[in-house]
């Protein structure tokens, strides 16, 4: 009799405890959903609506259909901005993708003071992007700048750096690479440390040199991380804004006007938030389509 009563009282208590746990879990989930809805989903939907409106946030919005997109397509800077953005992304992929991986390989081979060098590599990431841009702008100064002073010291002529359309974009890529390589380096380093040492020992016994070990062991074992980092880097560099905004303002001769910088001009120089939203929608669709295509093509590879 006592055991039957005990089971009968434990049943409702267990049910109440399970209901309480579920309500708590759903409460935390609802809070997260509210945050996403307010700060992520609503801005996206609002931006899509704004791209079909003429709005200045003072007078009531007016639906204009595709007029904002027509304004973009008729703007000569629209094509220039996309060309510059793709050029920046291509240069950043060539320079900024290889250098962090090479640095990670070097750090992985160090046996002494490796923690110190990891800290040194990661330090630029801790600096605010605007501070980095201002610092490098002084480095590039055609007069007393650090780089031209070094060139004069070794007897070489100074370069225009940011003041020439031929070198301005490459100069910005170097800044972006230096500022962001710390995070990528540590991610690559973590991936390298998961590779079993037996694979390298077997490769050495087979007579593989450094390049062959890199090609047949290191890269295949870190292939998934490399593919993910490449996608993240392309998406990030397609949204470059801080470096051209702070260092060049889009010049010289519009050689560093990027899509986000043109978007900023439409919104805060021309007070045309509808056209700015249309441009942001085009960038969103371009990056979304590229990401979907990239993941589909690399699914079998990864």
C-alpha atoms as a PDB file:
ATOM      1  CA  UNK A   1       0.000   0.000   0.000  1.00  0.00           C
ATOM      2  CA  UNK A   2       2.778   2.445   0.928  1.00  0.00           C
ATOM      3  CA  UNK A   3       4.677   1.728  -2.300  1.00  0.00           C
ATOM      4  CA  UNK A   4       1.551   2.361  -4.364  1.00  0.00           C
ATOM      5  CA  UNK A   5       0.973   5.701  -2.622  1.00  0.00           C
ATOM      6  CA  UNK A   6       4.643   6.639  -3.147  1.00  0.00           C
ATOM      7  CA  UNK A   7       4.391   5.956  -6.860  1.00  0.00           C
ATOM      8  CA  UNK A   8       1.155   7.927  -7.074  1.00  0.00           C
ATOM      9  CA  UNK A   9       2.750  10.998  -5.454  1.00  0.00           C
ATOM     10  CA  UNK A  10       5.999  10.743  -7.443  1.00  0.00           C
ATOM     11  CA  UNK A  11       4.102  10.763 -10.756  1.00  0.00           C
ATOM     12  CA  UNK A  12       2.554  14.253 -10.429  1.00  0.00           C
ATOM     13  CA  UNK A  13       5.789  15.631  -8.950  1.00  0.00           C
ATOM     14  CA  UNK A  14       7.812  14.318 -11.905  1.00  0.00           C
ATOM     15  CA  UNK A  15       5.240  15.774 -14.308  1.00  0.00           C
ATOM     16  CA  UNK A  16       5.370  19.191 -12.622  1.00  0.00           C
ATOM     17  CA  UNK A  17       9.174  19.164 -12.711  1.00  0.00           C
ATOM     18  CA  UNK A  18       9.185  18.284 -16.413  1.00  0.00           C
ATOM     19  CA  UNK A  19       6.638  20.991 -17.202  1.00  0.00           C
ATOM     20  CA  UNK A  20       8.691  23.536 -15.250  1.00  0.00           C
ATOM     21  CA  UNK A  21      11.878  22.571 -17.094  1.00  0.00           C
ATOM     22  CA  UNK A  22      10.148  22.797 -20.478  1.00  0.00           C
ATOM     23  CA  UNK A  23       8.609  26.176 -19.657  1.00  0.00           C
ATOM     24  CA  UNK A  24      12.019  27.488 -18.603  1.00  0.00           C
ATOM     25  CA  UNK A  25      13.621  26.224 -21.800  1.00  0.00           C
ATOM     26  CA  UNK A  26      10.862  27.715 -23.956  1.00  0.00           C
ATOM     27  CA  UNK A  27      11.160  30.972 -22.028  1.00  0.00           C
ATOM     28  CA  UNK A  28      14.851  31.288 -22.892  1.00  0.00           C
ATOM     29  CA  UNK A  29      14.080  30.285 -26.490  1.00  0.00           C
ATOM     30  CA  UNK A  30      11.361  32.926 -26.790  1.00  0.00           C
ATOM     31  CA  UNK A  31      13.734  35.589 -25.465  1.00  0.00           C
ATOM     32  CA  UNK A  32      16.291  34.649 -28.127  1.00  0.00           C
ATOM     33  CA  UNK A  33      13.618  34.670 -30.830  1.00  0.00           C
ATOM     34  CA  UNK A  34      12.457  38.138 -29.739  1.00  0.00           C
ATOM     35  CA  UNK A  35      16.044  39.442 -29.923  1.00  0.00           C
ATOM     36  CA  UNK A  36      16.523  37.963 -33.385  1.00  0.00           C
ATOM     37  CA  UNK A  37      13.189  39.334 -34.537  1.00  0.00           C
ATOM     38  CA  UNK A  38      13.904  42.869 -33.315  1.00  0.00           C
ATOM     39  CA  UNK A  39      17.564  43.191 -34.248  1.00  0.00           C
ATOM     40  CA  UNK A  40      17.957  40.865 -37.245  1.00  0.00           C
ATOM     41  CA  UNK A  41      14.773  39.807 -39.015  1.00  0.00           C
ATOM     42  CA  UNK A  42      12.880  43.102 -38.719  1.00  0.00           C
ATOM     43  CA  UNK A  43      15.792  45.199 -40.121  1.00  0.00           C
ATOM     44  CA  UNK A  44      16.087  42.798 -43.063  1.00  0.00           C
ATOM     45  CA  UNK A  45      12.377  42.993 -43.857  1.00  0.00           C
ATOM     46  CA  UNK A  46      12.366  46.754 -43.292  1.00  0.00           C
ATOM     47  CA  UNK A  47      15.342  47.166 -45.624  1.00  0.00           C
ATOM     48  CA  UNK A  48      13.594  45.176 -48.359  1.00  0.00           C
ATOM     49  CA  UNK A  49      10.526  47.395 -48.046  1.00  0.00           C
ATOM     50  CA  UNK A  50      12.622  50.570 -48.074  1.00  0.00           C
ATOM     51  CA  UNK A  51      14.256  49.537 -51.341  1.00  0.00           C
ATOM     52  CA  UNK A  52      10.874  50.041 -53.058  1.00  0.00           C
ATOM     53  CA  UNK A  53      10.106  53.317 -51.315  1.00  0.00           C
ATOM     54  CA  UNK A  54      11.188  56.945 -51.455  1.00  0.00           C
ATOM     55  CA  UNK A  55      11.796  57.819 -47.818  1.00  0.00           C
ATOM     56  CA  UNK A  56      13.692  60.426 -45.827  1.00  0.00           C
ATOM     57  CA  UNK A  57      12.212  59.577 -42.380  1.00  0.00           C
ATOM     58  CA  UNK A  58      10.672  63.045 -42.209  1.00  0.00           C
ATOM     59  CA  UNK A  59       7.761  62.886 -44.640  1.00  0.00           C
ATOM     60  CA  UNK A  60       5.588  59.781 -45.187  1.00  0.00           C
ATOM     61  CA  UNK A  61       7.165  57.063 -47.319  1.00  0.00           C
ATOM     62  CA  UNK A  62       6.129  56.872 -50.962  1.00  0.00           C
ATOM     63  CA  UNK A  63       6.074  53.650 -52.959  1.00  0.00           C
ATOM     64  CA  UNK A  64       8.138  54.085 -56.119  1.00  0.00           C
ATOM     65  CA  UNK A  65       8.475  50.487 -57.319  1.00  0.00           C
ATOM     66  CA  UNK A  66      11.684  49.858 -59.260  1.00  0.00           C
ATOM     67  CA  UNK A  67      12.710  53.522 -59.492  1.00  0.00           C
ATOM     68  CA  UNK A  68      15.451  53.130 -56.864  1.00  0.00           C
ATOM     69  CA  UNK A  69      17.007  50.295 -58.826  1.00  0.00           C
ATOM     70  CA  UNK A  70      16.817  52.332 -62.017  1.00  0.00           C
ATOM     71  CA  UNK A  71      18.642  55.142 -60.232  1.00  0.00           C
ATOM     72  CA  UNK A  72      21.389  52.705 -59.296  1.00  0.00           C
ATOM     73  CA  UNK A  73      21.759  51.241 -62.775  1.00  0.00           C
ATOM     74  CA  UNK A  74      21.979  54.735 -64.288  1.00  0.00           C
ATOM     75  CA  UNK A  75      24.671  55.844 -61.848  1.00  0.00           C
ATOM     76  CA  UNK A  76      28.191  55.524 -63.362  1.00  0.00           C
ATOM     77  CA  UNK A  77      29.583  54.834 -59.893  1.00  0.00           C
ATOM     78  CA  UNK A  78      27.423  51.703 -59.580  1.00  0.00           C
ATOM     79  CA  UNK A  79      29.553  49.666 -61.988  1.00  0.00           C
ATOM     80  CA  UNK A  80      32.770  51.242 -60.695  1.00  0.00           C
ATOM     81  CA  UNK A  81      31.858  50.315 -57.118  1.00  0.00           C
ATOM     82  CA  UNK A  82      31.188  46.685 -58.003  1.00  0.00           C
ATOM     83  CA  UNK A  83      34.404  46.495 -60.026  1.00  0.00           C
ATOM     84  CA  UNK A  84      36.437  47.960 -57.146  1.00  0.00           C
ATOM     85  CA  UNK A  85      34.761  45.654 -54.625  1.00  0.00           C
ATOM     86  CA  UNK A  86      35.521  42.581 -56.720  1.00  0.00           C
ATOM     87  CA  UNK A  87      39.100  43.784 -57.205  1.00  0.00           C
ATOM     88  CA  UNK A  88      39.523  44.253 -53.465  1.00  0.00           C
ATOM     89  CA  UNK A  89      38.060  40.800 -52.817  1.00  0.00           C
ATOM     90  CA  UNK A  90      40.354  39.190 -55.398  1.00  0.00           C
ATOM     91  CA  UNK A  91      43.480  40.861 -54.038  1.00  0.00           C
ATOM     92  CA  UNK A  92      42.480  40.056 -50.463  1.00  0.00           C
ATOM     93  CA  UNK A  93      41.931  36.430 -51.455  1.00  0.00           C
ATOM     94  CA  UNK A  94      45.368  36.180 -53.073  1.00  0.00           C
ATOM     95  CA  UNK A  95      47.222  37.985 -50.280  1.00  0.00           C
ATOM     96  CA  UNK A  96      45.056  37.696 -47.191  1.00  0.00           C
ATOM     97  CA  UNK A  97      44.220  34.011 -47.595  1.00  0.00           C
ATOM     98  CA  UNK A  98      47.721  32.662 -48.146  1.00  0.00           C
ATOM     99  CA  UNK A  99      49.641  34.739 -45.589  1.00  0.00           C
ATOM    100  CA  UNK A 100      47.675  33.668 -42.454  1.00  0.00           C
ATOM    101  CA  UNK A 101      47.935  30.015 -43.476  1.00  0.00           C
ATOM    102  CA  UNK A 102      51.683  30.333 -44.023  1.00  0.00           C
ATOM    103  CA  UNK A 103      52.108  32.105 -40.672  1.00  0.00           C
ATOM    104  CA  UNK A 104      50.080  29.357 -38.975  1.00  0.00           C
ATOM    105  CA  UNK A 105      52.378  26.699 -40.467  1.00  0.00           C
ATOM    106  CA  UNK A 106      55.429  28.556 -39.149  1.00  0.00           C
ATOM    107  CA  UNK A 107      53.897  28.953 -35.691  1.00  0.00           C
ATOM    108  CA  UNK A 108      52.987  25.273 -35.652  1.00  0.00           C
ATOM    109  CA  UNK A 109      56.634  24.352 -36.201  1.00  0.00           C
ATOM    110  CA  UNK A 110      57.933  26.554 -33.377  1.00  0.00           C
ATOM    111  CA  UNK A 111      59.039  24.807 -30.238  1.00  0.00           C
ATOM    112  CA  UNK A 112      60.012  27.852 -28.155  1.00  0.00           C
ATOM    113  CA  UNK A 113      58.155  31.101 -27.380  1.00  0.00           C
ATOM    114  CA  UNK A 114      55.205  29.982 -29.483  1.00  0.00           C
ATOM    115  CA  UNK A 115      52.714  31.560 -27.065  1.00  0.00           C
ATOM    116  CA  UNK A 116      54.494  34.904 -27.391  1.00  0.00           C
ATOM    117  CA  UNK A 117      54.402  34.826 -31.187  1.00  0.00           C
ATOM    118  CA  UNK A 118      50.719  33.860 -31.170  1.00  0.00           C
ATOM    119  CA  UNK A 119      50.026  36.920 -29.030  1.00  0.00           C
ATOM    120  CA  UNK A 120      52.027  39.129 -31.390  1.00  0.00           C
ATOM    121  CA  UNK A 121      50.113  37.827 -34.405  1.00  0.00           C
ATOM    122  CA  UNK A 122      46.761  38.341 -32.686  1.00  0.00           C
ATOM    123  CA  UNK A 123      47.442  41.837 -31.335  1.00  0.00           C
ATOM    124  CA  UNK A 124      46.229  43.738 -34.471  1.00  0.00           C
ATOM    125  CA  UNK A 125      42.797  42.118 -34.112  1.00  0.00           C
ATOM    126  CA  UNK A 126      42.435  43.770 -30.706  1.00  0.00           C
ATOM    127  CA  UNK A 127      42.829  47.266 -32.177  1.00  0.00           C
ATOM    128  CA  UNK A 128      39.693  49.129 -33.316  1.00  0.00           C
ATOM    129  CA  UNK A 129      39.457  49.122 -37.137  1.00  0.00           C
ATOM    130  CA  UNK A 130      39.338  52.933 -37.303  1.00  0.00           C
ATOM    131  CA  UNK A 131      42.530  53.170 -35.242  1.00  0.00           C
ATOM    132  CA  UNK A 132      44.234  50.705 -37.578  1.00  0.00           C
ATOM    133  CA  UNK A 133      43.139  52.711 -40.625  1.00  0.00           C
ATOM    134  CA  UNK A 134      44.407  55.998 -39.155  1.00  0.00           C
ATOM    135  CA  UNK A 135      47.710  54.398 -38.149  1.00  0.00           C
ATOM    136  CA  UNK A 136      48.324  52.966 -41.603  1.00  0.00           C
ATOM    137  CA  UNK A 137      47.264  56.208 -43.219  1.00  0.00           C
ATOM    138  CA  UNK A 138      50.207  57.818 -41.463  1.00  0.00           C
ATOM    139  CA  UNK A 139      52.446  54.942 -42.602  1.00  0.00           C
ATOM    140  CA  UNK A 140      51.395  55.696 -46.197  1.00  0.00           C
ATOM    141  CA  UNK A 141      51.876  59.456 -45.897  1.00  0.00           C
ATOM    142  CA  UNK A 142      53.839  60.617 -48.979  1.00  0.00           C
ATOM    143  CA  UNK A 143      55.949  62.990 -46.878  1.00  0.00           C
ATOM    144  CA  UNK A 144      57.075  61.823 -43.420  1.00  0.00           C
ATOM    145  CA  UNK A 145      55.312  58.455 -43.655  1.00  0.00           C
ATOM    146  CA  UNK A 146      57.084  55.369 -42.346  1.00  0.00           C
ATOM    147  CA  UNK A 147      57.126  53.413 -45.600  1.00  0.00           C
ATOM    148  CA  UNK A 148      58.478  56.225 -47.781  1.00  0.00           C
ATOM    149  CA  UNK A 149      61.073  57.028 -45.123  1.00  0.00           C
ATOM    150  CA  UNK A 150      62.237  53.418 -45.286  1.00  0.00           C
ATOM    151  CA  UNK A 151      62.375  53.583 -49.093  1.00  0.00           C
ATOM    152  CA  UNK A 152      64.470  56.759 -48.978  1.00  0.00           C
ATOM    153  CA  UNK A 153      66.815  55.119 -46.482  1.00  0.00           C
ATOM    154  CA  UNK A 154      67.657  52.335 -48.928  1.00  0.00           C
ATOM    155  CA  UNK A 155      67.870  54.724 -51.877  1.00  0.00           C
ATOM    156  CA  UNK A 156      64.542  53.889 -53.535  1.00  0.00           C
ATOM    157  CA  UNK A 157      62.076  56.503 -54.789  1.00  0.00           C
ATOM    158  CA  UNK A 158      58.965  57.105 -52.645  1.00  0.00           C
ATOM    159  CA  UNK A 159      55.594  55.765 -53.731  1.00  0.00           C
ATOM    160  CA  UNK A 160      52.272  57.553 -53.868  1.00  0.00           C
ATOM    161  CA  UNK A 161      50.515  54.698 -52.009  1.00  0.00           C
ATOM    162  CA  UNK A 162      47.017  56.084 -51.319  1.00  0.00           C
ATOM    163  CA  UNK A 163      47.381  59.016 -53.708  1.00  0.00           C
ATOM    164  CA  UNK A 164      47.686  56.936 -56.869  1.00  0.00           C
ATOM    165  CA  UNK A 165      44.928  54.955 -58.559  1.00  0.00           C
ATOM    166  CA  UNK A 166      47.496  52.258 -59.390  1.00  0.00           C
ATOM    167  CA  UNK A 167      48.503  51.522 -55.782  1.00  0.00           C
ATOM    168  CA  UNK A 168      45.579  52.703 -53.635  1.00  0.00           C
ATOM    169  CA  UNK A 169      43.569  49.469 -53.731  1.00  0.00           C
ATOM    170  CA  UNK A 170      46.579  47.272 -53.019  1.00  0.00           C
ATOM    171  CA  UNK A 171      47.458  49.566 -50.109  1.00  0.00           C
ATOM    172  CA  UNK A 172      44.002  49.063 -48.612  1.00  0.00           C
ATOM    173  CA  UNK A 173      44.266  45.293 -49.034  1.00  0.00           C
ATOM    174  CA  UNK A 174      47.532  45.265 -47.077  1.00  0.00           C
ATOM    175  CA  UNK A 175      45.863  47.145 -44.224  1.00  0.00           C
ATOM    176  CA  UNK A 176      42.879  44.799 -44.138  1.00  0.00           C
ATOM    177  CA  UNK A 177      45.136  41.741 -44.266  1.00  0.00           C
ATOM    178  CA  UNK A 178      47.322  42.962 -41.388  1.00  0.00           C
ATOM    179  CA  UNK A 179      44.309  43.862 -39.256  1.00  0.00           C
ATOM    180  CA  UNK A 180      42.405  40.590 -39.703  1.00  0.00           C
ATOM    181  CA  UNK A 181      45.086  37.938 -40.125  1.00  0.00           C
ATOM    182  CA  UNK A 182      45.356  37.193 -36.395  1.00  0.00           C
ATOM    183  CA  UNK A 183      41.993  35.465 -36.118  1.00  0.00           C
ATOM    184  CA  UNK A 184      42.475  33.459 -39.310  1.00  0.00           C
ATOM    185  CA  UNK A 185      45.985  32.438 -38.226  1.00  0.00           C
ATOM    186  CA  UNK A 186      44.790  31.041 -34.902  1.00  0.00           C
ATOM    187  CA  UNK A 187      41.959  29.128 -36.595  1.00  0.00           C
ATOM    188  CA  UNK A 188      44.418  27.607 -39.079  1.00  0.00           C
ATOM    189  CA  UNK A 189      46.817  26.830 -36.238  1.00  0.00           C
ATOM    190  CA  UNK A 190      44.093  24.981 -34.340  1.00  0.00           C
ATOM    191  CA  UNK A 191      43.321  22.966 -37.467  1.00  0.00           C
ATOM    192  CA  UNK A 192      46.995  22.132 -38.019  1.00  0.00           C
ATOM    193  CA  UNK A 193      47.370  20.841 -34.477  1.00  0.00           C
ATOM    194  CA  UNK A 194      44.650  18.251 -35.068  1.00  0.00           C
ATOM    195  CA  UNK A 195      46.667  16.553 -37.817  1.00  0.00           C
ATOM    196  CA  UNK A 196      48.147  13.275 -36.507  1.00  0.00           C
ATOM    197  CA  UNK A 197      51.935  13.342 -36.367  1.00  0.00           C
ATOM    198  CA  UNK A 198      52.062   9.828 -37.788  1.00  0.00           C
ATOM    199  CA  UNK A 199      51.024  11.176 -41.183  1.00  0.00           C
ATOM    200  CA  UNK A 200      54.058  13.452 -41.345  1.00  0.00           C
ATOM    201  CA  UNK A 201      56.331  10.660 -40.120  1.00  0.00           C
ATOM    202  CA  UNK A 202      55.028   8.326 -42.811  1.00  0.00           C
ATOM    203  CA  UNK A 203      55.497  11.018 -45.452  1.00  0.00           C
ATOM    204  CA  UNK A 204      59.080  11.635 -44.318  1.00  0.00           C
ATOM    205  CA  UNK A 205      59.826   7.914 -44.451  1.00  0.00           C
ATOM    206  CA  UNK A 206      58.545   7.923 -48.034  1.00  0.00           C
ATOM    207  CA  UNK A 207      61.010  10.685 -48.845  1.00  0.00           C
ATOM    208  CA  UNK A 208      58.503  13.535 -49.137  1.00  0.00           C
ATOM    209  CA  UNK A 209      60.004  17.008 -49.031  1.00  0.00           C
ATOM    210  CA  UNK A 210      58.438  20.074 -47.385  1.00  0.00           C
ATOM    211  CA  UNK A 211      56.287  21.011 -50.375  1.00  0.00           C
ATOM    212  CA  UNK A 212      55.071  17.431 -50.841  1.00  0.00           C
ATOM    213  CA  UNK A 213      54.145  17.148 -47.155  1.00  0.00           C
ATOM    214  CA  UNK A 214      52.252  20.419 -47.434  1.00  0.00           C
ATOM    215  CA  UNK A 215      50.453  19.342 -50.591  1.00  0.00           C
ATOM    216  CA  UNK A 216      49.596  15.746 -49.679  1.00  0.00           C
ATOM    217  CA  UNK A 217      49.190  15.957 -45.876  1.00  0.00           C
ATOM    218  CA  UNK A 218      48.626  19.478 -44.565  1.00  0.00           C
ATOM    219  CA  UNK A 219      46.202  20.830 -47.157  1.00  0.00           C
ATOM    220  CA  UNK A 220      44.022  17.669 -47.432  1.00  0.00           C
ATOM    221  CA  UNK A 221      43.768  17.398 -43.644  1.00  0.00           C
ATOM    222  CA  UNK A 222      42.734  21.063 -43.274  1.00  0.00           C
ATOM    223  CA  UNK A 223      40.607  21.213 -46.428  1.00  0.00           C
ATOM    224  CA  UNK A 224      37.288  21.741 -44.650  1.00  0.00           C
ATOM    225  CA  UNK A 225      38.627  24.637 -42.565  1.00  0.00           C
ATOM    226  CA  UNK A 226      40.233  26.199 -45.642  1.00  0.00           C
ATOM    227  CA  UNK A 227      36.962  26.073 -47.582  1.00  0.00           C
ATOM    228  CA  UNK A 228      34.947  27.591 -44.738  1.00  0.00           C
ATOM    229  CA  UNK A 229      37.519  30.340 -44.162  1.00  0.00           C
ATOM    230  CA  UNK A 230      37.609  31.149 -47.863  1.00  0.00           C
ATOM    231  CA  UNK A 231      33.834  31.613 -47.912  1.00  0.00           C
ATOM    232  CA  UNK A 232      33.910  33.781 -44.794  1.00  0.00           C
ATOM    233  CA  UNK A 233      36.731  35.900 -46.184  1.00  0.00           C
ATOM    234  CA  UNK A 234      34.988  36.498 -49.508  1.00  0.00           C
ATOM    235  CA  UNK A 235      31.748  37.499 -47.794  1.00  0.00           C
ATOM    236  CA  UNK A 236      33.624  39.805 -45.395  1.00  0.00           C
ATOM    237  CA  UNK A 237      35.796  41.502 -48.013  1.00  0.00           C
ATOM    238  CA  UNK A 238      32.805  42.124 -50.267  1.00  0.00           C
ATOM    239  CA  UNK A 239      31.524  44.341 -47.448  1.00  0.00           C
ATOM    240  CA  UNK A 240      34.694  46.387 -46.992  1.00  0.00           C
ATOM    241  CA  UNK A 241      33.928  49.878 -45.754  1.00  0.00           C
ATOM    242  CA  UNK A 242      36.209  51.135 -42.980  1.00  0.00           C
ATOM    243  CA  UNK A 243      39.488  51.231 -44.910  1.00  0.00           C
ATOM    244  CA  UNK A 244      38.246  53.165 -47.976  1.00  0.00           C
ATOM    245  CA  UNK A 245      36.050  55.433 -45.859  1.00  0.00           C
ATOM    246  CA  UNK A 246      38.777  56.470 -43.423  1.00  0.00           C
ATOM    247  CA  UNK A 247      41.881  56.291 -45.607  1.00  0.00           C
ATOM    248  CA  UNK A 248      40.861  57.410 -49.101  1.00  0.00           C
ATOM    249  CA  UNK A 249      37.215  58.487 -49.051  1.00  0.00           C
ATOM    250  CA  UNK A 250      36.797  56.577 -52.302  1.00  0.00           C
ATOM    251  CA  UNK A 251      39.611  58.325 -54.173  1.00  0.00           C
ATOM    252  CA  UNK A 252      41.778  58.925 -55.968  1.00  0.00           C
ATOM    253  CA  UNK A 253      39.672  59.071 -59.141  1.00  0.00           C
ATOM    254  CA  UNK A 254      37.026  56.820 -57.546  1.00  0.00           C
ATOM    255  CA  UNK A 255      39.517  53.948 -57.558  1.00  0.00           C
ATOM    256  CA  UNK A 256      38.547  52.817 -54.045  1.00  0.00           C
ATOM    257  CA  UNK A 257      34.783  53.412 -54.089  1.00  0.00           C
ATOM    258  CA  UNK A 258      33.265  50.145 -52.893  1.00  0.00           C
ATOM    259  CA  UNK A 259      29.645  49.035 -52.761  1.00  0.00           C
ATOM    260  CA  UNK A 260      29.257  49.688 -48.990  1.00  0.00           C
ATOM    261  CA  UNK A 261      30.903  53.099 -49.389  1.00  0.00           C
ATOM    262  CA  UNK A 262      28.528  54.000 -52.236  1.00  0.00           C
ATOM    263  CA  UNK A 263      25.642  52.776 -50.091  1.00  0.00           C
ATOM    264  CA  UNK A 264      26.813  55.084 -47.298  1.00  0.00           C
ATOM    265  CA  UNK A 265      26.943  58.023 -49.692  1.00  0.00           C
ATOM    266  CA  UNK A 266      23.393  57.448 -50.889  1.00  0.00           C
ATOM    267  CA  UNK A 267      22.088  57.229 -47.327  1.00  0.00           C
ATOM    268  CA  UNK A 268      23.998  59.997 -45.552  1.00  0.00           C
ATOM    269  CA  UNK A 269      25.263  62.299 -48.306  1.00  0.00           C
ATOM    270  CA  UNK A 270      22.250  62.295 -50.618  1.00  0.00           C
ATOM    271  CA  UNK A 271      19.594  61.431 -47.970  1.00  0.00           C
ATOM    272  CA  UNK A 272      18.286  58.806 -50.388  1.00  0.00           C
ATOM    273  CA  UNK A 273      17.639  55.906 -48.049  1.00  0.00           C
ATOM    274  CA  UNK A 274      15.466  54.094 -50.579  1.00  0.00           C
ATOM    275  CA  UNK A 275      18.262  53.816 -53.138  1.00  0.00           C
ATOM    276  CA  UNK A 276      20.703  52.907 -50.367  1.00  0.00           C
ATOM    277  CA  UNK A 277      18.370  50.114 -49.279  1.00  0.00           C
ATOM    278  CA  UNK A 278      18.077  48.937 -52.885  1.00  0.00           C
ATOM    279  CA  UNK A 279      21.856  48.727 -53.123  1.00  0.00           C
ATOM    280  CA  UNK A 280      22.062  46.836 -49.839  1.00  0.00           C
ATOM    281  CA  UNK A 281      19.424  44.409 -51.137  1.00  0.00           C
ATOM    282  CA  UNK A 282      21.462  43.789 -54.297  1.00  0.00           C
ATOM    283  CA  UNK A 283      24.575  43.148 -52.203  1.00  0.00           C
ATOM    284  CA  UNK A 284      22.607  40.802 -49.941  1.00  0.00           C
ATOM    285  CA  UNK A 285      21.251  38.847 -52.907  1.00  0.00           C
ATOM    286  CA  UNK A 286      24.675  38.663 -54.565  1.00  0.00           C
ATOM    287  CA  UNK A 287      26.351  37.339 -51.413  1.00  0.00           C
ATOM    288  CA  UNK A 288      23.482  34.935 -50.721  1.00  0.00           C
ATOM    289  CA  UNK A 289      23.565  33.525 -54.244  1.00  0.00           C
ATOM    290  CA  UNK A 290      27.339  33.198 -54.166  1.00  0.00           C
ATOM    291  CA  UNK A 291      27.287  31.470 -50.771  1.00  0.00           C
ATOM    292  CA  UNK A 292      24.642  28.980 -51.904  1.00  0.00           C
ATOM    293  CA  UNK A 293      26.565  28.218 -55.106  1.00  0.00           C
ATOM    294  CA  UNK A 294      29.854  27.930 -53.224  1.00  0.00           C
ATOM    295  CA  UNK A 295      28.430  25.520 -50.650  1.00  0.00           C
ATOM    296  CA  UNK A 296      26.866  23.398 -53.387  1.00  0.00           C
ATOM    297  CA  UNK A 297      30.096  23.194 -55.395  1.00  0.00           C
ATOM    298  CA  UNK A 298      32.267  22.425 -52.366  1.00  0.00           C
ATOM    299  CA  UNK A 299      29.891  19.972 -50.685  1.00  0.00           C
ATOM    300  CA  UNK A 300      31.526  16.939 -52.257  1.00  0.00           C
ATOM    301  CA  UNK A 301      35.008  18.345 -51.778  1.00  0.00           C
ATOM    302  CA  UNK A 302      34.598  18.944 -48.060  1.00  0.00           C
END
